[in-house]
């Protein structure tokens, strides 16, 4: 099975990818995918059932428990298969980028550089780490004499719950370390972005991924909850809202089941008085409004000194006003539509709330004419940090500019949030900016930019989650330690 990047093609699927092949679903309900740029239906897939999940988990369990199967292979042997998987995914890179942009409104310039590139990059990266000498097993002197052999062993069956905003990149931050360590996976894509998962299944078949090592069942929230609590699952990896993350954490806590949660954010861009935002316009917009603002680590709370407040507001307003809004498949588009009418209306409700609370719109604040789930890129000035638009995650192209008196207050405001996922500091004095960054309570923070680097640990503190994805640190979420005493 494959899909096409032809924008006129309607994709229709009745199958799940289970046990290394396309298997008809036992359900009859459908998930219909609508283009947020055109409001036209572009595809339909079967809505997975609990029975489909049972079959997927059973396939993953059988593959993991096979005494000569995936989990027992040498890292280099798994790496050969994962390299073929990477090659097959990269051959479909343009198709993947188009599919993602057609579904969630991500500008094609972003999907072409992120969604089509990250899967292969991450598969190779984690395969290489696991294959390093001494990684899986090492020996040390025991305190009471003799030796202890310490082994890192795969956990088992991983449930990977994928969000819609970066469906491929965030899928493979889970799949790549899990598979490289020898785990097997059941992946549930978000209903908003299921077409790209068909491409992953086709690539897995071409690469010869052993049956049951990866299984994909598109489904809604209820079936996702069923997967999280499934007795055949050994670990859960989830990216999504903080509210859903708390529910998943409660279930996994009761089951003593390991879980990684990458959740929401309301990150701060702490602008120091010597910052050159105009000279760093591209980096600033990438940090504050990536993927139409539908990014959990975006620095949407912009903190600027009172002494230069008016000038910085003008600079930010001019930059945002100049952004090109348009169809997600237009290579020139910088801001595409929201993923759905519901998300557009949610974002607009925050815009209305900001106005009602006394904040001042300097640009945007409305919806463009015509079809599509668009929201004008919006800047609010005269915002206080206790207002709703400064504290809650909007997940759209809306920035709030908040004033502060001195560096200490700027840091205090940056930390005055229930979230702690991303952030940035802006200054021409790099040493000072790094010192300020050390005082911000967050999982990641950039200096005069924000680049989510795959070789660095990524995750949140406070309501932004628990555990880390990316970097070597991510592997610790997918193995357990075993000590073998040899006195």
Protein backbone atom coordinates (compact mmCIF):
# COMPACT_ATOMS: atom_id res chain seq x y z
CA UNK A 1 0.00 0.00 0.00
CA UNK A 2 1.19 3.50 -0.76
CA UNK A 3 -0.24 6.93 -1.24
CA UNK A 4 0.57 9.60 -3.73
CA UNK A 5 1.66 13.21 -3.42
CA UNK A 6 -0.78 14.15 -6.16
CA UNK A 7 -3.02 16.73 -4.48
CA UNK A 8 -6.01 15.55 -6.49
CA UNK A 9 -5.82 11.96 -5.22
CA UNK A 10 -8.26 10.79 -2.55
CA UNK A 11 -6.62 8.18 -0.32
CA UNK A 12 -8.80 5.34 0.89
CA UNK A 13 -7.67 2.55 3.23
CA UNK A 14 -9.47 -0.24 5.05
CA UNK A 15 -6.35 -1.86 6.52
CA UNK A 16 -4.05 -1.71 9.51
CA UNK A 17 -0.37 -2.61 9.40
CA UNK A 18 -0.15 -5.60 11.74
CA UNK A 19 2.30 -8.48 11.83
CA UNK A 20 4.26 -7.22 8.83
CA UNK A 21 1.31 -6.98 6.45
CA UNK A 22 -1.84 -5.02 5.68
CA UNK A 23 -4.72 -6.54 7.61
CA UNK A 24 -8.38 -5.56 7.15
CA UNK A 25 -9.83 -3.90 10.22
CA UNK A 26 -12.69 -5.54 12.05
CA UNK A 27 -14.36 -2.13 12.39
CA UNK A 28 -16.64 -0.24 10.02
CA UNK A 29 -16.37 3.34 11.30
CA UNK A 30 -14.23 5.74 9.27
CA UNK A 31 -11.79 8.54 9.93
CA UNK A 32 -12.17 11.21 7.24
CA UNK A 33 -9.23 13.54 6.68
CA UNK A 34 -9.95 17.08 5.51
CA UNK A 35 -7.42 19.46 4.01
CA UNK A 36 -7.19 22.50 6.30
CA UNK A 37 -6.11 24.59 3.31
CA UNK A 38 -9.07 23.78 1.07
CA UNK A 39 -11.64 22.25 3.48
CA UNK A 40 -12.00 19.33 1.05
CA UNK A 41 -11.90 15.66 2.03
CA UNK A 42 -8.57 14.14 0.96
CA UNK A 43 -8.74 10.68 2.47
CA UNK A 44 -10.51 8.12 4.58
CA UNK A 45 -9.16 5.29 6.69
CA UNK A 46 -10.79 2.73 8.91
CA UNK A 47 -11.17 3.76 12.55
CA UNK A 48 -9.32 1.11 14.53
CA UNK A 49 -11.09 -0.90 17.22
CA UNK A 50 -10.08 -2.52 20.49
CA UNK A 51 -10.01 -5.82 18.62
CA UNK A 52 -7.54 -4.34 16.11
CA UNK A 53 -5.37 -3.21 19.02
CA UNK A 54 -5.53 -6.69 20.55
CA UNK A 55 -4.22 -8.15 17.29
CA UNK A 56 -1.48 -5.53 17.04
CA UNK A 57 -0.31 -6.06 20.62
CA UNK A 58 -0.38 -9.84 20.13
CA UNK A 59 1.78 -9.50 17.02
CA UNK A 60 4.22 -7.23 18.84
CA UNK A 61 4.34 -9.59 21.83
CA UNK A 62 5.00 -12.63 19.65
CA UNK A 63 7.80 -10.82 17.84
CA UNK A 64 9.41 -9.74 21.10
CA UNK A 65 9.09 -13.12 22.82
CA UNK A 66 10.44 -15.06 19.82
CA UNK A 67 13.61 -16.71 21.22
CA UNK A 68 15.45 -16.05 17.96
CA UNK A 69 13.64 -12.83 17.12
CA UNK A 70 14.25 -9.10 17.01
CA UNK A 71 15.08 -8.59 20.68
CA UNK A 72 17.79 -11.28 20.56
CA UNK A 73 19.52 -9.98 17.44
CA UNK A 74 22.91 -8.31 17.67
CA UNK A 75 22.69 -4.51 17.40
CA UNK A 76 24.47 -4.56 14.07
CA UNK A 77 21.95 -7.02 12.67
CA UNK A 78 19.07 -4.77 13.70
CA UNK A 79 20.96 -1.78 12.32
CA UNK A 80 21.08 -3.36 8.86
CA UNK A 81 17.29 -3.63 8.78
CA UNK A 82 16.81 -0.15 10.20
CA UNK A 83 19.18 1.25 7.57
CA UNK A 84 16.97 -0.28 4.87
CA UNK A 85 13.98 1.22 6.66
CA UNK A 86 15.65 4.64 6.63
CA UNK A 87 16.42 4.36 2.91
CA UNK A 88 12.84 3.34 2.12
CA UNK A 89 11.46 6.27 4.14
CA UNK A 90 13.84 8.74 2.50
CA UNK A 91 12.81 7.52 -0.95
CA UNK A 92 9.30 8.56 0.03
CA UNK A 93 10.38 11.87 1.54
CA UNK A 94 8.55 14.15 -0.88
CA UNK A 95 5.40 12.04 -0.54
CA UNK A 96 5.64 12.21 3.24
CA UNK A 97 6.13 15.98 3.28
CA UNK A 98 3.14 16.49 1.01
CA UNK A 99 0.96 14.12 3.03
CA UNK A 100 1.75 15.88 6.30
CA UNK A 101 1.16 19.36 4.89
CA UNK A 102 -2.10 18.30 3.27
CA UNK A 103 -3.36 16.97 6.61
CA UNK A 104 -2.25 19.42 9.30
CA UNK A 105 -1.47 22.66 7.44
CA UNK A 106 2.28 22.56 8.07
CA UNK A 107 4.06 24.76 5.50
CA UNK A 108 5.72 22.56 2.89
CA UNK A 109 9.03 24.28 3.58
CA UNK A 110 8.86 22.87 7.12
CA UNK A 111 7.55 19.40 6.30
CA UNK A 112 10.20 19.00 3.58
CA UNK A 113 13.03 19.75 6.00
CA UNK A 114 11.69 18.09 9.16
CA UNK A 115 9.06 15.44 8.51
CA UNK A 116 10.84 13.86 5.56
CA UNK A 117 14.32 14.00 7.11
CA UNK A 118 14.02 13.14 10.80
CA UNK A 119 12.90 9.49 10.51
CA UNK A 120 16.00 8.28 8.66
CA UNK A 121 18.31 10.49 10.67
CA UNK A 122 17.00 9.14 13.98
CA UNK A 123 17.02 5.49 12.88
CA UNK A 124 20.71 5.71 11.97
CA UNK A 125 21.59 7.70 15.08
CA UNK A 126 20.12 5.24 17.58
CA UNK A 127 21.30 2.17 15.69
CA UNK A 128 24.82 3.57 15.97
CA UNK A 129 24.55 4.30 19.69
CA UNK A 130 23.30 0.83 20.58
CA UNK A 131 26.07 -0.77 18.51
CA UNK A 132 28.85 1.04 20.41
CA UNK A 133 31.19 -1.40 22.22
CA UNK A 134 30.15 -1.99 25.80
CA UNK A 135 26.76 -0.34 25.49
CA UNK A 136 24.63 -3.44 25.98
CA UNK A 137 26.88 -5.19 28.48
CA UNK A 138 29.75 -4.23 30.76
CA UNK A 139 31.55 -5.79 33.71
CA UNK A 140 32.69 -4.12 36.91
CA UNK A 141 34.31 -5.21 40.19
CA UNK A 142 31.72 -6.09 42.84
CA UNK A 143 32.01 -4.47 46.28
CA UNK A 144 32.04 -7.85 48.08
CA UNK A 145 34.42 -9.51 45.64
CA UNK A 146 34.06 -11.06 42.23
CA UNK A 147 32.48 -9.36 39.25
CA UNK A 148 29.09 -7.98 38.28
CA UNK A 149 27.96 -8.03 34.66
CA UNK A 150 25.51 -5.20 33.98
CA UNK A 151 23.21 -5.70 31.02
CA UNK A 152 20.88 -3.29 29.26
CA UNK A 153 17.89 -5.21 27.98
CA UNK A 154 14.88 -4.16 25.93
CA UNK A 155 11.66 -3.58 27.85
CA UNK A 156 9.22 -5.37 25.56
CA UNK A 157 6.15 -4.02 23.77
CA UNK A 158 6.04 -0.21 23.48
CA UNK A 159 2.80 1.72 22.91
CA UNK A 160 3.63 4.88 20.95
CA UNK A 161 0.88 7.53 20.90
CA UNK A 162 1.64 10.11 18.19
CA UNK A 163 0.34 13.71 17.93
CA UNK A 164 -0.78 15.48 14.78
CA UNK A 165 1.50 18.54 14.75
CA UNK A 166 4.79 16.80 13.79
CA UNK A 167 3.51 13.27 13.14
CA UNK A 168 6.64 11.83 11.54
CA UNK A 169 9.37 13.53 13.57
CA UNK A 170 7.60 12.78 16.84
CA UNK A 171 6.80 9.21 15.80
CA UNK A 172 10.45 8.43 15.21
CA UNK A 173 11.67 10.06 18.40
CA UNK A 174 9.88 7.04 19.87
CA UNK A 175 10.25 4.37 17.19
CA UNK A 176 13.97 4.82 16.51
CA UNK A 177 15.33 4.31 20.05
CA UNK A 178 12.71 1.66 20.84
CA UNK A 179 13.46 -0.43 17.76
CA UNK A 180 17.23 0.03 17.96
CA UNK A 181 17.16 -1.37 21.52
CA UNK A 182 15.21 -4.44 20.38
CA UNK A 183 11.72 -3.51 21.54
CA UNK A 184 8.63 -4.03 19.41
CA UNK A 185 6.08 -1.26 18.89
CA UNK A 186 2.37 -0.63 18.46
CA UNK A 187 1.91 2.87 17.08
CA UNK A 188 -1.35 4.82 17.17
CA UNK A 189 -1.31 7.86 14.87
CA UNK A 190 -3.55 10.84 15.60
CA UNK A 191 -6.85 10.82 13.67
CA UNK A 192 -5.89 14.17 12.11
CA UNK A 193 -2.74 12.72 10.51
CA UNK A 194 -3.13 9.11 9.47
CA UNK A 195 -2.18 9.20 5.79
CA UNK A 196 1.55 9.54 6.48
CA UNK A 197 1.40 6.40 8.65
CA UNK A 198 0.43 4.45 5.53
CA UNK A 199 3.76 5.53 4.05
CA UNK A 200 5.59 4.24 7.13
CA UNK A 201 3.92 0.84 6.80
CA UNK A 202 4.82 0.61 3.10
CA UNK A 203 8.45 1.51 3.88
CA UNK A 204 8.59 -1.10 6.66
CA UNK A 205 7.42 -3.81 4.26
CA UNK A 206 9.96 -2.78 1.62
CA UNK A 207 12.74 -2.77 4.22
CA UNK A 208 11.90 -6.27 5.41
CA UNK A 209 11.16 -5.28 8.99
CA UNK A 210 10.31 -8.61 10.68
CA UNK A 211 6.64 -9.36 11.25
CA UNK A 212 5.27 -7.78 14.41
CA UNK A 213 8.24 -5.54 15.14
CA UNK A 214 6.20 -2.48 14.13
CA UNK A 215 2.41 -2.34 14.05
CA UNK A 216 0.24 0.68 13.13
CA UNK A 217 -3.42 1.14 14.01
CA UNK A 218 -5.09 4.52 13.33
CA UNK A 219 -7.76 5.17 15.96
CA UNK A 220 -9.36 7.74 18.20
CA UNK A 221 -8.84 8.66 21.83
CA UNK A 222 -10.90 5.84 23.36
CA UNK A 223 -8.98 3.11 21.56
CA UNK A 224 -5.75 4.93 22.41
CA UNK A 225 -6.71 4.76 26.09
CA UNK A 226 -7.39 1.05 25.65
CA UNK A 227 -3.86 0.61 24.25
CA UNK A 228 -2.29 2.53 27.16
CA UNK A 229 -3.91 0.17 29.68
CA UNK A 230 -3.47 -3.01 27.62
CA UNK A 231 -2.02 -5.89 29.67
CA UNK A 232 0.31 -6.79 26.81
CA UNK A 233 2.08 -3.40 26.80
CA UNK A 234 5.30 -2.88 28.77
CA UNK A 235 5.96 0.84 28.20
CA UNK A 236 4.06 3.89 26.94
CA UNK A 237 5.50 6.86 25.02
CA UNK A 238 3.10 9.77 24.54
CA UNK A 239 3.23 13.25 23.06
CA UNK A 240 0.20 15.47 23.49
CA UNK A 241 -1.63 17.76 25.87
CA UNK A 242 -0.84 18.05 29.57
CA UNK A 243 -4.42 17.07 30.43
CA UNK A 244 -4.19 13.82 28.46
CA UNK A 245 -0.70 13.23 29.82
CA UNK A 246 -1.97 13.36 33.40
CA UNK A 247 -4.60 10.74 32.62
CA UNK A 248 -2.02 8.47 31.01
CA UNK A 249 0.37 8.98 33.93
CA UNK A 250 -2.36 7.96 36.37
CA UNK A 251 -3.05 4.76 34.45
CA UNK A 252 0.63 3.88 34.09
CA UNK A 253 1.29 4.70 37.74
CA UNK A 254 -1.39 2.26 38.83
CA UNK A 255 0.11 -0.41 36.59
CA UNK A 256 3.73 0.42 37.54
CA UNK A 257 4.27 0.81 33.79
CA UNK A 258 7.13 3.01 32.54
CA UNK A 259 5.92 6.08 30.64
CA UNK A 260 7.49 8.98 28.78
CA UNK A 261 5.36 12.12 28.49
CA UNK A 262 6.21 15.05 26.21
CA UNK A 263 3.46 17.54 26.91
CA UNK A 264 2.40 21.15 26.44
CA UNK A 265 4.28 24.39 26.83
CA UNK A 266 4.02 28.15 27.10
CA UNK A 267 7.67 28.99 26.66
CA UNK A 268 9.24 32.39 27.14
CA UNK A 269 11.42 34.35 24.74
CA UNK A 270 13.43 36.48 27.17
CA UNK A 271 14.62 39.50 25.18
CA UNK A 272 17.45 41.46 26.83
CA UNK A 273 17.85 45.19 26.18
CA UNK A 274 20.77 44.75 23.73
CA UNK A 275 18.99 42.14 21.56
CA UNK A 276 18.93 42.56 17.79
CA UNK A 277 15.63 40.98 16.82
CA UNK A 278 15.56 42.50 13.35
CA UNK A 279 19.01 41.12 12.56
CA UNK A 280 17.84 37.71 13.77
CA UNK A 281 14.35 37.88 12.29
CA UNK A 282 14.33 34.42 10.70
CA UNK A 283 15.62 32.78 13.87
CA UNK A 284 13.18 34.75 16.03
CA UNK A 285 10.15 33.74 13.98
CA UNK A 286 11.33 30.12 13.90
CA UNK A 287 11.55 30.15 17.69
CA UNK A 288 8.25 31.91 18.33
CA UNK A 289 5.90 30.83 15.54
CA UNK A 290 7.09 27.55 13.99
CA UNK A 291 4.56 25.39 12.14
CA UNK A 292 1.83 28.06 12.32
CA UNK A 293 2.32 28.21 16.08
CA UNK A 294 1.23 24.57 16.37
CA UNK A 295 4.41 23.64 18.23
CA UNK A 296 4.65 22.76 21.90
CA UNK A 297 8.06 24.36 22.50
CA UNK A 298 7.32 27.66 20.73
CA UNK A 299 8.42 30.78 22.65
CA UNK A 300 5.05 32.51 22.47
CA UNK A 301 5.45 34.57 25.68
CA UNK A 302 7.84 37.34 24.66
CA UNK A 303 9.36 39.19 27.60
CA UNK A 304 10.94 42.57 26.77
CA UNK A 305 12.38 45.35 28.99
CA UNK A 306 10.13 48.32 29.75
CA UNK A 307 12.97 50.61 28.65
CA UNK A 308 12.66 49.41 25.05
CA UNK A 309 9.13 48.04 25.08
CA UNK A 310 7.66 50.22 22.32
CA UNK A 311 10.59 49.64 19.97
CA UNK A 312 10.58 45.87 20.47
CA UNK A 313 6.80 45.69 20.01
CA UNK A 314 7.18 47.56 16.71
CA UNK A 315 9.95 45.18 15.58
CA UNK A 316 7.95 42.08 16.45
CA UNK A 317 4.80 43.47 14.86
CA UNK A 318 6.61 44.30 11.62
CA UNK A 319 8.15 40.83 11.42
CA UNK A 320 4.88 39.01 12.03
CA UNK A 321 2.88 41.29 9.72
CA UNK A 322 5.28 40.48 6.87
CA UNK A 323 4.79 36.70 7.15
CA UNK A 324 3.17 35.11 4.10
CA UNK A 325 -0.07 33.31 4.90
CA UNK A 326 -1.29 30.73 2.40
CA UNK A 327 -1.91 27.19 1.27
CA UNK A 328 0.32 24.74 3.11
CA UNK A 329 1.55 23.26 -0.20
CA UNK A 330 2.79 26.63 -1.50
CA UNK A 331 6.60 26.62 -1.03
CA UNK A 332 6.48 30.36 -0.24
CA UNK A 333 3.97 29.99 2.59
CA UNK A 334 5.29 30.82 6.08
CA UNK A 335 2.00 30.45 7.98
CA UNK A 336 -0.50 27.83 6.90
CA UNK A 337 -3.92 26.97 8.33
CA UNK A 338 -4.81 25.43 11.66
CA UNK A 339 -5.21 21.67 11.54
CA UNK A 340 -9.00 21.78 11.83
CA UNK A 341 -12.00 24.05 12.13
CA UNK A 342 -12.15 23.14 15.81
CA UNK A 343 -8.54 24.23 16.36
CA UNK A 344 -9.12 27.45 14.40
CA UNK A 345 -12.13 28.27 16.57
CA UNK A 346 -10.16 27.45 19.71
CA UNK A 347 -7.37 29.84 18.71
CA UNK A 348 -9.88 32.56 17.85
CA UNK A 349 -11.52 32.14 21.26
CA UNK A 350 -8.18 33.02 22.84
CA UNK A 351 -7.85 36.05 20.58
CA UNK A 352 -11.28 37.18 21.73
CA UNK A 353 -10.31 36.56 25.36
CA UNK A 354 -7.13 38.59 24.96
CA UNK A 355 -9.09 41.57 23.68
CA UNK A 356 -11.66 41.21 26.45
CA UNK A 357 -8.91 41.21 29.07
CA UNK A 358 -7.50 44.49 27.75
CA UNK A 359 -4.56 43.36 25.64
CA UNK A 360 -3.88 45.36 22.47
CA UNK A 361 -3.71 43.71 19.03
CA UNK A 362 -0.87 45.24 16.98
CA UNK A 363 -1.35 43.00 13.95
CA UNK A 364 -3.71 40.20 12.95
CA UNK A 365 -6.47 39.30 15.33
CA UNK A 366 -8.87 37.90 12.76
CA UNK A 367 -9.46 35.33 10.04
CA UNK A 368 -8.51 35.87 6.39
CA UNK A 369 -11.30 35.81 3.83
CA UNK A 370 -11.83 32.66 1.80
CA UNK A 371 -11.69 28.93 2.48
CA UNK A 372 -9.33 27.19 4.85
CA UNK A 373 -8.90 27.06 8.62
CA UNK A 374 -6.68 30.13 8.75
CA UNK A 375 -5.95 32.53 11.59
CA UNK A 376 -4.07 35.75 10.92
CA UNK A 377 -0.65 35.83 12.61
CA UNK A 378 -1.38 37.90 15.71
CA UNK A 379 0.63 39.96 18.19
CA UNK A 380 -0.77 41.15 21.51
CA UNK A 381 0.92 44.03 23.35
CA UNK A 382 0.16 45.43 26.82
CA UNK A 383 -0.15 41.91 28.20
CA UNK A 384 0.43 41.01 31.83
CA UNK A 385 1.80 37.62 32.73
CA UNK A 386 -1.29 36.65 34.71
CA UNK A 387 -3.68 36.98 31.76
CA UNK A 388 -5.14 33.86 30.17
CA UNK A 389 -3.38 34.42 26.84
CA UNK A 390 -0.05 34.57 28.70
CA UNK A 391 -0.60 31.43 30.77
CA UNK A 392 -2.50 28.93 28.61
CA UNK A 393 -1.17 27.13 25.55
CA UNK A 394 -2.98 28.58 22.52
CA UNK A 395 -1.28 26.40 19.87
CA UNK A 396 -1.70 28.88 17.07
CA UNK A 397 0.02 31.93 15.52
CA UNK A 398 -0.51 34.19 18.53
CA UNK A 399 2.29 35.99 20.39
CA UNK A 400 2.01 37.92 23.65
CA UNK A 401 4.48 40.68 24.53
CA UNK A 402 5.01 41.30 28.25
CA UNK A 403 7.17 43.99 29.82
CA UNK A 404 9.67 43.59 32.68
CA UNK A 405 11.75 46.03 34.70
CA UNK A 406 15.11 44.31 35.15
CA UNK A 407 16.84 41.00 34.48
CA UNK A 408 15.71 39.47 37.77
CA UNK A 409 12.07 40.23 37.01
CA UNK A 410 12.47 38.90 33.48
CA UNK A 411 13.71 35.58 34.83
CA UNK A 412 10.94 35.53 37.45
CA UNK A 413 8.29 36.06 34.75
CA UNK A 414 9.85 33.42 32.51
CA UNK A 415 9.52 30.96 35.40
CA UNK A 416 6.02 32.12 36.36
CA UNK A 417 4.28 29.40 34.36
CA UNK A 418 2.96 25.91 35.01
CA UNK A 419 4.95 24.79 31.96
CA UNK A 420 8.66 24.33 31.28
CA UNK A 421 9.40 22.82 27.88
CA UNK A 422 11.30 25.25 25.63
CA UNK A 423 12.38 28.86 25.62
CA UNK A 424 14.97 31.27 24.29
CA UNK A 425 17.17 34.19 25.37
CA UNK A 426 18.03 37.04 22.99
CA UNK A 427 21.13 39.20 23.45
CA UNK A 428 24.27 40.24 21.61
CA UNK A 429 26.22 39.25 24.75
CA UNK A 430 26.29 35.46 24.42
CA UNK A 431 27.93 34.84 27.79
CA UNK A 432 25.27 36.89 29.57
CA UNK A 433 22.49 35.15 27.63
CA UNK A 434 23.82 31.73 28.63
CA UNK A 435 23.97 32.82 32.27
CA UNK A 436 20.36 33.99 32.10
CA UNK A 437 19.36 30.71 30.43
CA UNK A 438 20.78 28.77 33.36
CA UNK A 439 18.20 30.42 35.64
CA UNK A 440 15.14 29.59 33.51
CA UNK A 441 13.29 26.46 34.72
CA UNK A 442 12.76 24.60 31.49
CA UNK A 443 13.82 21.43 29.72
CA UNK A 444 15.48 23.19 26.78
CA UNK A 445 16.38 26.74 25.84
CA UNK A 446 18.10 28.42 22.89
CA UNK A 447 20.42 31.40 22.61
CA UNK A 448 19.39 33.78 19.79
CA UNK A 449 17.54 30.87 18.19
CA UNK A 450 15.80 27.66 19.09
CA UNK A 451 16.96 24.51 17.32
CA UNK A 452 15.58 21.23 18.61
CA UNK A 453 18.73 19.18 18.15
CA UNK A 454 18.21 15.39 17.76
CA UNK A 455 21.47 14.61 19.58
CA UNK A 456 20.38 16.54 22.69
CA UNK A 457 17.83 15.45 25.32
CA UNK A 458 14.42 17.03 24.87
CA UNK A 459 11.54 17.09 27.33
CA UNK A 460 9.85 19.18 29.95
CA UNK A 461 9.58 19.99 33.62
CA UNK A 462 6.48 20.86 35.63
CA UNK A 463 3.32 20.37 33.51
CA UNK A 464 5.40 19.92 30.35
CA UNK A 465 6.05 16.27 31.01
CA UNK A 466 8.44 13.68 32.33
CA UNK A 467 11.28 11.75 30.75
CA UNK A 468 13.41 12.73 27.77
CA UNK A 469 13.33 12.05 24.05
CA UNK A 470 16.24 12.55 21.64
CA UNK A 471 19.91 12.40 22.48
CA UNK A 472 21.57 9.33 24.01
CA UNK A 473 19.43 9.94 27.09
CA UNK A 474 16.30 8.79 25.23
CA UNK A 475 17.57 5.22 25.08
CA UNK A 476 17.24 4.90 28.87
CA UNK A 477 13.46 5.01 28.40
CA UNK A 478 13.58 1.81 26.35
CA UNK A 479 15.77 -0.54 28.36
CA UNK A 480 15.99 -2.02 31.83
CA UNK A 481 19.12 -2.98 33.76
CA UNK A 482 20.00 -6.50 34.82
CA UNK A 483 22.88 -7.29 37.18
CA UNK A 484 24.53 -10.74 36.99
CA UNK A 485 26.59 -11.46 40.12
CA UNK A 486 29.63 -13.68 39.70
CA UNK A 487 31.26 -13.89 43.15
